[in-house]
Amino acid sequence: MRTLIRTILATLALVVPAFAADGSVGKGSSLLLILFLGFAALIVVFQFIPGLVLFFSMLKGIFTAAPKKASVTHEKK
């Protein structure tokens, strides 16, 4: 049992510094990543514009008065 506890403590002592690493050694964003994010943003914008047009036409349909139906009279001969 003591051997198991010592093994676990030794493993944890070696692993704890790895959790403390901040990971700030990265290179930064690559050009492909920036282009991909820009393309995704363009897709969102180009889908947002028709959505706004549809939304405002729906609001216009809700808040405008319905046209009155003309009464049809049939004349008999």
C-alpha atoms as a PDB file:
ATOM      1  CA  MET A   1       0.000   0.000   0.000  1.00  0.00           C
ATOM      2  CA  ARG A   2       2.867   2.359   0.844  1.00  0.00           C
ATOM      3  CA  THR A   3       4.477   1.674  -2.502  1.00  0.00           C
ATOM      4  CA  LEU A   4       1.255   2.604  -4.302  1.00  0.00           C
ATOM      5  CA  ILE A   5       0.926   5.884  -2.389  1.00  0.00           C
ATOM      6  CA  ARG A   6       4.568   6.765  -3.030  1.00  0.00           C
ATOM      7  CA  THR A   7       4.153   6.011  -6.734  1.00  0.00           C
ATOM      8  CA  ILE A   8       1.064   8.218  -6.958  1.00  0.00           C
ATOM      9  CA  LEU A   9       2.768  11.062  -5.072  1.00  0.00           C
ATOM     10  CA  ALA A  10       5.860  10.842  -7.267  1.00  0.00           C
ATOM     11  CA  THR A  11       3.698  10.911 -10.399  1.00  0.00           C
ATOM     12  CA  LEU A  12       1.759  13.924  -9.131  1.00  0.00           C
ATOM     13  CA  ALA A  13       4.968  15.728  -8.236  1.00  0.00           C
ATOM     14  CA  LEU A  14       6.189  15.327 -11.806  1.00  0.00           C
ATOM     15  CA  VAL A  15       2.841  16.267 -13.401  1.00  0.00           C
ATOM     16  CA  VAL A  16       2.035  19.440 -11.422  1.00  0.00           C
ATOM     17  CA  PRO A  17       4.595  21.671 -13.229  1.00  0.00           C
ATOM     18  CA  ALA A  18       2.983  20.692 -16.547  1.00  0.00           C
ATOM     19  CA  PHE A  19      -0.328  22.122 -15.309  1.00  0.00           C
ATOM     20  CA  ALA A  20       1.401  25.359 -14.376  1.00  0.00           C
ATOM     21  CA  ALA A  21       2.646  26.015 -17.935  1.00  0.00           C
ATOM     22  CA  ASP A  22       0.864  28.981 -19.505  1.00  0.00           C
ATOM     23  CA  GLY A  23       1.334  27.933 -23.130  1.00  0.00           C
ATOM     24  CA  SER A  24       2.428  31.365 -24.331  1.00  0.00           C
ATOM     25  CA  VAL A  25       5.190  29.950 -26.464  1.00  0.00           C
ATOM     26  CA  GLY A  26       2.916  29.719 -29.539  1.00  0.00           C
ATOM     27  CA  LYS A  27       3.755  31.305 -32.872  1.00  0.00           C
ATOM     28  CA  GLY A  28       0.546  33.279 -33.196  1.00  0.00           C
ATOM     29  CA  SER A  29      -2.161  33.183 -35.834  1.00  0.00           C
ATOM     30  CA  SER A  30      -1.254  31.985 -39.277  1.00  0.00           C
ATOM     31  CA  LEU A  31      -2.445  33.585 -42.496  1.00  0.00           C
ATOM     32  CA  LEU A  32      -4.699  30.623 -43.300  1.00  0.00           C
ATOM     33  CA  LEU A  33      -6.443  30.926 -39.956  1.00  0.00           C
ATOM     34  CA  ILE A  34      -7.079  34.639 -40.497  1.00  0.00           C
ATOM     35  CA  LEU A  35      -8.405  33.982 -44.014  1.00  0.00           C
ATOM     36  CA  PHE A  36     -10.668  31.200 -42.744  1.00  0.00           C
ATOM     37  CA  LEU A  37     -12.100  33.394 -39.983  1.00  0.00           C
ATOM     38  CA  GLY A  38     -12.612  36.233 -42.457  1.00  0.00           C
ATOM     39  CA  PHE A  39     -14.436  33.915 -44.846  1.00  0.00           C
ATOM     40  CA  ALA A  40     -16.654  32.661 -42.017  1.00  0.00           C
ATOM     41  CA  ALA A  41     -17.429  36.277 -41.048  1.00  0.00           C
ATOM     42  CA  LEU A  42     -18.398  37.052 -44.652  1.00  0.00           C
ATOM     43  CA  ILE A  43     -20.784  34.101 -44.685  1.00  0.00           C
ATOM     44  CA  VAL A  44     -22.420  35.344 -41.491  1.00  0.00           C
ATOM     45  CA  VAL A  45     -22.763  38.901 -42.839  1.00  0.00           C
ATOM     46  CA  PHE A  46     -24.173  37.770 -46.189  1.00  0.00           C
ATOM     47  CA  GLN A  47     -26.739  35.605 -44.408  1.00  0.00           C
ATOM     48  CA  PHE A  48     -27.606  38.385 -41.967  1.00  0.00           C
ATOM     49  CA  ILE A  49     -28.655  40.885 -44.650  1.00  0.00           C
ATOM     50  CA  PRO A  50     -31.451  38.734 -46.196  1.00  0.00           C
ATOM     51  CA  GLY A  51     -32.549  37.834 -42.680  1.00  0.00           C
ATOM     52  CA  LEU A  52     -32.979  41.506 -41.840  1.00  0.00           C
ATOM     53  CA  VAL A  53     -34.932  42.131 -45.059  1.00  0.00           C
ATOM     54  CA  LEU A  54     -37.224  39.206 -44.252  1.00  0.00           C
ATOM     55  CA  PHE A  55     -37.669  40.367 -40.660  1.00  0.00           C
ATOM     56  CA  PHE A  56     -38.614  43.926 -41.634  1.00  0.00           C
ATOM     57  CA  SER A  57     -41.013  42.736 -44.327  1.00  0.00           C
ATOM     58  CA  MET A  58     -42.643  40.512 -41.703  1.00  0.00           C
ATOM     59  CA  LEU A  59     -42.989  43.482 -39.354  1.00  0.00           C
ATOM     60  CA  LYS A  60     -44.457  45.540 -42.183  1.00  0.00           C
ATOM     61  CA  GLY A  61     -47.012  42.815 -42.863  1.00  0.00           C
ATOM     62  CA  ILE A  62     -47.969  42.612 -39.209  1.00  0.00           C
ATOM     63  CA  PHE A  63     -48.377  46.316 -38.547  1.00  0.00           C
ATOM     64  CA  THR A  64     -50.006  47.517 -41.771  1.00  0.00           C
ATOM     65  CA  ALA A  65     -53.749  47.360 -42.201  1.00  0.00           C
ATOM     66  CA  ALA A  66     -55.107  44.618 -44.393  1.00  0.00           C
ATOM     67  CA  PRO A  67     -56.582  45.898 -47.660  1.00  0.00           C
ATOM     68  CA  LYS A  68     -60.365  45.997 -47.685  1.00  0.00           C
ATOM     69  CA  LYS A  69     -61.991  43.607 -50.074  1.00  0.00           C
ATOM     70  CA  ALA A  70     -64.158  45.209 -52.714  1.00  0.00           C
ATOM     71  CA  SER A  71     -67.706  44.001 -52.738  1.00  0.00           C
ATOM     72  CA  VAL A  72     -68.689  42.309 -55.942  1.00  0.00           C
ATOM     73  CA  THR A  73     -72.175  42.976 -57.252  1.00  0.00           C
ATOM     74  CA  HIS A  74     -73.644  40.786 -59.918  1.00  0.00           C
ATOM     75  CA  GLU A  75     -76.186  42.361 -62.195  1.00  0.00           C
ATOM     76  CA  LYS A  76     -78.833  40.117 -63.638  1.00  0.00           C
ATOM     77  CA  LYS A  77     -80.038  40.751 -67.161  1.00  0.00           C
END
